[in-house]
Amino acid sequence: LPSLVAEVVAEFPAASRVRTQIEVEDLPF
């Protein structure tokens, strides 16, 4: 999920102005 969010955000012009805050537990899925 953290990599996915980073990829999505990076595709938009506003990426440089947006900060991400990600907290994900290490859970197998």
All heavy atoms as atom14 arrays in JSON, in Angstrom:
{
  "sequence": "LPSLVAEVVAEFPAASRVRTQIEVEDLPF",
  "atom14_mask": [
    [1, 1, 1, 1, 1, 1, 1, 1, 0, 0, 0, 0, 0, 0],
    [1, 1, 1, 1, 1, 1, 1, 0, 0, 0, 0, 0, 0, 0],
    [1, 1, 1, 1, 1, 1, 0, 0, 0, 0, 0, 0, 0, 0],
    [1, 1, 1, 1, 1, 1, 1, 1, 0, 0, 0, 0, 0, 0],
    [1, 1, 1, 1, 1, 1, 1, 0, 0, 0, 0, 0, 0, 0],
    [1, 1, 1, 1, 1, 0, 0, 0, 0, 0, 0, 0, 0, 0],
    [1, 1, 1, 1, 1, 1, 1, 1, 1, 0, 0, 0, 0, 0],
    [1, 1, 1, 1, 1, 1, 1, 0, 0, 0, 0, 0, 0, 0],
    [1, 1, 1, 1, 1, 1, 1, 0, 0, 0, 0, 0, 0, 0],
    [1, 1, 1, 1, 1, 0, 0, 0, 0, 0, 0, 0, 0, 0],
    [1, 1, 1, 1, 1, 1, 1, 1, 1, 0, 0, 0, 0, 0],
    [1, 1, 1, 1, 1, 1, 1, 1, 1, 1, 1, 0, 0, 0],
    [1, 1, 1, 1, 1, 1, 1, 0, 0, 0, 0, 0, 0, 0],
    [1, 1, 1, 1, 1, 0, 0, 0, 0, 0, 0, 0, 0, 0],
    [1, 1, 1, 1, 1, 0, 0, 0, 0, 0, 0, 0, 0, 0],
    [1, 1, 1, 1, 1, 1, 0, 0, 0, 0, 0, 0, 0, 0],
    [1, 1, 1, 1, 1, 1, 1, 1, 1, 1, 1, 0, 0, 0],
    [1, 1, 1, 1, 1, 1, 1, 0, 0, 0, 0, 0, 0, 0],
    [1, 1, 1, 1, 1, 1, 1, 1, 1, 1, 1, 0, 0, 0],
    [1, 1, 1, 1, 1, 1, 1, 0, 0, 0, 0, 0, 0, 0],
    [1, 1, 1, 1, 1, 1, 1, 1, 1, 0, 0, 0, 0, 0],
    [1, 1, 1, 1, 1, 1, 1, 1, 0, 0, 0, 0, 0, 0],
    [1, 1, 1, 1, 1, 1, 1, 1, 1, 0, 0, 0, 0, 0],
    [1, 1, 1, 1, 1, 1, 1, 0, 0, 0, 0, 0, 0, 0],
    [1, 1, 1, 1, 1, 1, 1, 1, 1, 0, 0, 0, 0, 0],
    [1, 1, 1, 1, 1, 1, 1, 1, 0, 0, 0, 0, 0, 0],
    [1, 1, 1, 1, 1, 1, 1, 1, 0, 0, 0, 0, 0, 0],
    [1, 1, 1, 1, 1, 1, 1, 0, 0, 0, 0, 0, 0, 0],
    [1, 1, 1, 1, 1, 1, 1, 1, 1, 1, 1, 0, 0, 0]
  ],
  "atom14_positions": [
    [[0.8, -1.23, 0.0], [0.0, 0.0, 0.0], [0.83, 1.29, 0.0], [0.49, 2.23, -0.73], [-0.98, -0.03, 1.18], [-2.07, -1.1, 1.09], [-3.0, -1.02, 2.29], [-2.87, -0.95, -0.21], [0.0, 0.0, 0.0], [0.0, 0.0, 0.0], [0.0, 0.0, 0.0], [0.0, 0.0, 0.0], [0.0, 0.0, 0.0], [0.0, 0.0, 0.0]],
    [[1.91, 1.4, 0.8], [2.69, 2.66, 0.74], [3.24, 2.93, -0.66], [3.22, 4.08, -1.13], [3.82, 2.41, 1.75], [3.24, 1.43, 2.72], [2.39, 0.52, 1.89], [0.0, 0.0, 0.0], [0.0, 0.0, 0.0], [0.0, 0.0, 0.0], [0.0, 0.0, 0.0], [0.0, 0.0, 0.0], [0.0, 0.0, 0.0], [0.0, 0.0, 0.0]],
    [[3.73, 1.89, -1.36], [4.25, 2.08, -2.72], [3.14, 2.5, -3.67], [3.35, 3.34, -4.55], [4.9, 0.78, -3.21], [5.98, 0.41, -2.38], [0.0, 0.0, 0.0], [0.0, 0.0, 0.0], [0.0, 0.0, 0.0], [0.0, 0.0, 0.0], [0.0, 0.0, 0.0], [0.0, 0.0, 0.0], [0.0, 0.0, 0.0], [0.0, 0.0, 0.0]],
    [[1.97, 1.9, -3.5], [0.84, 2.24, -4.36], [0.44, 3.7, -4.19], [0.24, 4.43, -5.18], [-0.34, 1.32, -4.05], [-1.65, 1.62, -4.79], [-1.45, 1.54, -6.3], [-2.76, 0.68, -4.34], [0.0, 0.0, 0.0], [0.0, 0.0, 0.0], [0.0, 0.0, 0.0], [0.0, 0.0, 0.0], [0.0, 0.0, 0.0], [0.0, 0.0, 0.0]],
    [[0.32, 4.16, -2.94], [-0.04, 5.56, -2.69], [0.99, 6.5, -3.3], [0.64, 7.52, -3.93], [-0.2, 5.81, -1.18], [-0.4, 7.31, -0.9], [-1.37, 5.0, -0.62], [0.0, 0.0, 0.0], [0.0, 0.0, 0.0], [0.0, 0.0, 0.0], [0.0, 0.0, 0.0], [0.0, 0.0, 0.0], [0.0, 0.0, 0.0], [0.0, 0.0, 0.0]],
    [[2.27, 6.17, -3.14], [3.34, 7.02, -3.69], [3.23, 7.11, -5.22], [3.42, 8.19, -5.81], [4.7, 6.46, -3.29], [0.0, 0.0, 0.0], [0.0, 0.0, 0.0], [0.0, 0.0, 0.0], [0.0, 0.0, 0.0], [0.0, 0.0, 0.0], [0.0, 0.0, 0.0], [0.0, 0.0, 0.0], [0.0, 0.0, 0.0], [0.0, 0.0, 0.0]],
    [[2.93, 5.97, -5.87], [2.79, 5.95, -7.33], [1.62, 6.83, -7.78], [1.72, 7.59, -8.76], [2.55, 4.51, -7.8], [3.76, 3.61, -7.74], [4.54, 3.6, -9.05], [4.02, 4.13, -10.05], [5.65, 3.07, -9.06], [0.0, 0.0, 0.0], [0.0, 0.0, 0.0], [0.0, 0.0, 0.0], [0.0, 0.0, 0.0], [0.0, 0.0, 0.0]],
    [[0.47, 6.73, -7.08], [-0.72, 7.5, -7.46], [-0.45, 8.99, -7.3], [-0.74, 9.81, -8.2], [-1.94, 7.07, -6.62], [-3.14, 7.99, -6.92], [-2.3, 5.61, -6.9], [0.0, 0.0, 0.0], [0.0, 0.0, 0.0], [0.0, 0.0, 0.0], [0.0, 0.0, 0.0], [0.0, 0.0, 0.0], [0.0, 0.0, 0.0], [0.0, 0.0, 0.0]],
    [[0.1, 9.38, -6.16], [0.35, 10.81, -5.87], [1.31, 11.4, -6.89], [1.13, 12.53, -7.38], [0.89, 10.97, -4.44], [1.4, 12.41, -4.21], [-0.18, 10.61, -3.41], [0.0, 0.0, 0.0], [0.0, 0.0, 0.0], [0.0, 0.0, 0.0], [0.0, 0.0, 0.0], [0.0, 0.0, 0.0], [0.0, 0.0, 0.0], [0.0, 0.0, 0.0]],
    [[2.34, 10.59, -7.26], [3.38, 11.09, -8.17], [2.85, 11.41, -9.56], [3.48, 12.16, -10.31], [4.52, 10.08, -8.26], [0.0, 0.0, 0.0], [0.0, 0.0, 0.0], [0.0, 0.0, 0.0], [0.0, 0.0, 0.0], [0.0, 0.0, 0.0], [0.0, 0.0, 0.0], [0.0, 0.0, 0.0], [0.0, 0.0, 0.0], [0.0, 0.0, 0.0]],
    [[1.69, 10.9, -9.93], [1.14, 11.09, -11.27], [0.47, 12.46, -11.44], [0.13, 12.84, -12.56], [0.12, 9.99, -11.59], [0.73, 8.64, -11.92], [1.62, 8.74, -13.16], [1.15, 9.19, -14.21], [2.8, 8.34, -13.05], [0.0, 0.0, 0.0], [0.0, 0.0, 0.0], [0.0, 0.0, 0.0], [0.0, 0.0, 0.0], [0.0, 0.0, 0.0]],
    [[0.27, 13.2, -10.34], [-0.48, 14.45, -10.43], [0.46, 15.65, -10.3], [1.47, 15.6, -9.59], [-1.55, 14.49, -9.33], [-2.69, 13.55, -9.6], [-2.64, 12.22, -9.16], [-3.81, 13.98, -10.3], [-3.68, 11.36, -9.41], [-4.86, 13.12, -10.56], [-4.79, 11.8, -10.12], [0.0, 0.0, 0.0], [0.0, 0.0, 0.0], [0.0, 0.0, 0.0]],
    [[0.1, 16.75, -10.98], [0.94, 17.97, -10.91], [1.12, 18.48, -9.48], [2.14, 19.08, -9.16], [0.16, 18.97, -11.77], [-0.67, 18.13, -12.69], [-1.02, 16.91, -11.92], [0.0, 0.0, 0.0], [0.0, 0.0, 0.0], [0.0, 0.0, 0.0], [0.0, 0.0, 0.0], [0.0, 0.0, 0.0], [0.0, 0.0, 0.0], [0.0, 0.0, 0.0]],
    [[0.13, 18.24, -8.62], [0.2, 18.76, -7.25], [1.08, 17.91, -6.33], [1.17, 18.16, -5.13], [-1.21, 18.85, -6.67], [0.0, 0.0, 0.0], [0.0, 0.0, 0.0], [0.0, 0.0, 0.0], [0.0, 0.0, 0.0], [0.0, 0.0, 0.0], [0.0, 0.0, 0.0], [0.0, 0.0, 0.0], [0.0, 0.0, 0.0], [0.0, 0.0, 0.0]],
    [[1.74, 16.87, -6.91], [2.51, 15.92, -6.08], [3.55, 16.62, -5.23], [3.77, 16.26, -4.06], [3.16, 14.87, -6.98], [0.0, 0.0, 0.0], [0.0, 0.0, 0.0], [0.0, 0.0, 0.0], [0.0, 0.0, 0.0], [0.0, 0.0, 0.0], [0.0, 0.0, 0.0], [0.0, 0.0, 0.0], [0.0, 0.0, 0.0], [0.0, 0.0, 0.0]],
    [[4.19, 17.65, -5.76], [5.27, 18.32, -5.0], [4.73, 19.09, -3.82], [5.47, 19.41, -2.88], [6.04, 19.26, -5.93], [5.17, 20.25, -6.45], [0.0, 0.0, 0.0], [0.0, 0.0, 0.0], [0.0, 0.0, 0.0], [0.0, 0.0, 0.0], [0.0, 0.0, 0.0], [0.0, 0.0, 0.0], [0.0, 0.0, 0.0], [0.0, 0.0, 0.0]],
    [[3.41, 19.4, -3.83], [2.83, 20.19, -2.74], [2.08, 19.33, -1.73], [1.59, 19.86, -0.74], [1.87, 21.23, -3.33], [2.56, 22.24, -4.23], [1.59, 23.29, -4.75], [0.74, 22.77, -5.82], [-0.57, 22.62, -5.74], [-1.21, 22.9, -4.62], [-1.28, 22.16, -6.76], [0.0, 0.0, 0.0], [0.0, 0.0, 0.0], [0.0, 0.0, 0.0]],
    [[1.99, 18.01, -2.03], [1.2, 17.14, -1.15], [2.12, 16.21, -0.36], [2.98, 15.52, -0.93], [0.18, 16.31, -1.97], [-0.54, 15.3, -1.08], [-0.82, 17.24, -2.65], [0.0, 0.0, 0.0], [0.0, 0.0, 0.0], [0.0, 0.0, 0.0], [0.0, 0.0, 0.0], [0.0, 0.0, 0.0], [0.0, 0.0, 0.0], [0.0, 0.0, 0.0]],
    [[1.9, 16.19, 0.94], [2.66, 15.31, 1.82], [1.8, 14.06, 2.12], [0.59, 14.16, 2.23], [2.98, 16.04, 3.11], [3.8, 15.24, 4.12], [4.26, 16.17, 5.25], [3.12, 16.79, 5.92], [2.5, 16.27, 6.99], [2.88, 15.07, 7.46], [1.48, 16.9, 7.56], [0.0, 0.0, 0.0], [0.0, 0.0, 0.0], [0.0, 0.0, 0.0]],
    [[2.47, 12.93, 2.21], [1.73, 11.69, 2.55], [2.08, 11.28, 3.97], [3.22, 11.43, 4.43], [2.07, 10.54, 1.59], [3.48, 10.31, 1.6], [1.61, 10.86, 0.18], [0.0, 0.0, 0.0], [0.0, 0.0, 0.0], [0.0, 0.0, 0.0], [0.0, 0.0, 0.0], [0.0, 0.0, 0.0], [0.0, 0.0, 0.0], [0.0, 0.0, 0.0]],
    [[1.08, 10.75, 4.64], [1.26, 10.24, 6.01], [0.68, 8.82, 6.04], [-0.52, 8.63, 5.98], [0.54, 11.15, 7.02], [0.71, 10.71, 8.46], [0.16, 11.75, 9.41], [0.65, 12.9, 9.46], [-0.88, 11.38, 10.14], [0.0, 0.0, 0.0], [0.0, 0.0, 0.0], [0.0, 0.0, 0.0], [0.0, 0.0, 0.0], [0.0, 0.0, 0.0]],
    [[1.57, 7.82, 6.13], [1.14, 6.42, 5.98], [1.58, 5.6, 7.2], [2.75, 5.62, 7.59], [1.73, 5.81, 4.69], [1.22, 6.6, 3.47], [1.35, 4.33, 4.57], [1.84, 6.18, 2.17], [0.0, 0.0, 0.0], [0.0, 0.0, 0.0], [0.0, 0.0, 0.0], [0.0, 0.0, 0.0], [0.0, 0.0, 0.0], [0.0, 0.0, 0.0]],
    [[0.62, 4.92, 7.8], [0.9, 4.01, 8.92], [0.2, 2.68, 8.63], [-1.02, 2.58, 8.73], [0.39, 4.61, 10.23], [1.08, 5.91, 10.63], [0.51, 6.46, 11.93], [-0.08, 5.67, 12.69], [0.66, 7.68, 12.15], [0.0, 0.0, 0.0], [0.0, 0.0, 0.0], [0.0, 0.0, 0.0], [0.0, 0.0, 0.0], [0.0, 0.0, 0.0]],
    [[0.98, 1.69, 8.26], [0.42, 0.39, 7.87], [1.1, -0.71, 8.68], [2.32, -0.81, 8.7], [0.63, 0.11, 6.36], [0.04, -1.25, 5.97], [0.01, 1.23, 5.53], [0.0, 0.0, 0.0], [0.0, 0.0, 0.0], [0.0, 0.0, 0.0], [0.0, 0.0, 0.0], [0.0, 0.0, 0.0], [0.0, 0.0, 0.0], [0.0, 0.0, 0.0]],
    [[0.29, -1.54, 9.34], [0.84, -2.68, 10.07], [1.29, -3.76, 9.08], [0.78, -3.86, 7.97], [-0.2, -3.27, 11.03], [-0.51, -2.38, 12.21], [-1.41, -3.08, 13.22], [-1.36, -4.35, 13.29], [-2.16, -2.39, 13.93], [0.0, 0.0, 0.0], [0.0, 0.0, 0.0], [0.0, 0.0, 0.0], [0.0, 0.0, 0.0], [0.0, 0.0, 0.0]],
    [[2.26, -4.55, 9.53], [2.8, -5.62, 8.69], [1.86, -6.83, 8.75], [2.04, -7.76, 9.52], [4.2, -6.0, 9.18], [4.9, -6.95, 8.22], [4.34, -7.22, 7.14], [6.0, -7.43, 8.54], [0.0, 0.0, 0.0], [0.0, 0.0, 0.0], [0.0, 0.0, 0.0], [0.0, 0.0, 0.0], [0.0, 0.0, 0.0], [0.0, 0.0, 0.0]],
    [[0.84, -6.81, 7.88], [-0.2, -7.85, 7.9], [-0.21, -8.59, 6.56], [-0.36, -7.97, 5.51], [-1.57, -7.23, 8.15], [-1.72, -6.45, 9.47], [-3.05, -5.72, 9.48], [-1.62, -7.39, 10.66], [0.0, 0.0, 0.0], [0.0, 0.0, 0.0], [0.0, 0.0, 0.0], [0.0, 0.0, 0.0], [0.0, 0.0, 0.0], [0.0, 0.0, 0.0]],
    [[-0.05, -9.92, 6.56], [-0.13, -10.67, 5.31], [-1.56, -10.67, 4.77], [-2.53, -10.72, 5.53], [0.31, -12.08, 5.72], [0.01, -12.16, 7.17], [0.21, -10.78, 7.72], [0.0, 0.0, 0.0], [0.0, 0.0, 0.0], [0.0, 0.0, 0.0], [0.0, 0.0, 0.0], [0.0, 0.0, 0.0], [0.0, 0.0, 0.0], [0.0, 0.0, 0.0]],
    [[-1.68, -10.62, 3.46], [-2.99, -10.51, 2.83], [-3.02, -11.37, 1.59], [-2.03, -11.43, 0.83], [-3.25, -9.04, 2.46], [-4.7, -8.64, 2.54], [-5.32, -8.43, 3.76], [-5.44, -8.47, 1.38], [-6.65, -8.05, 3.83], [-6.77, -8.1, 1.44], [-7.38, -7.89, 2.67], [0.0, 0.0, 0.0], [0.0, 0.0, 0.0], [0.0, 0.0, 0.0]]
  ]
}
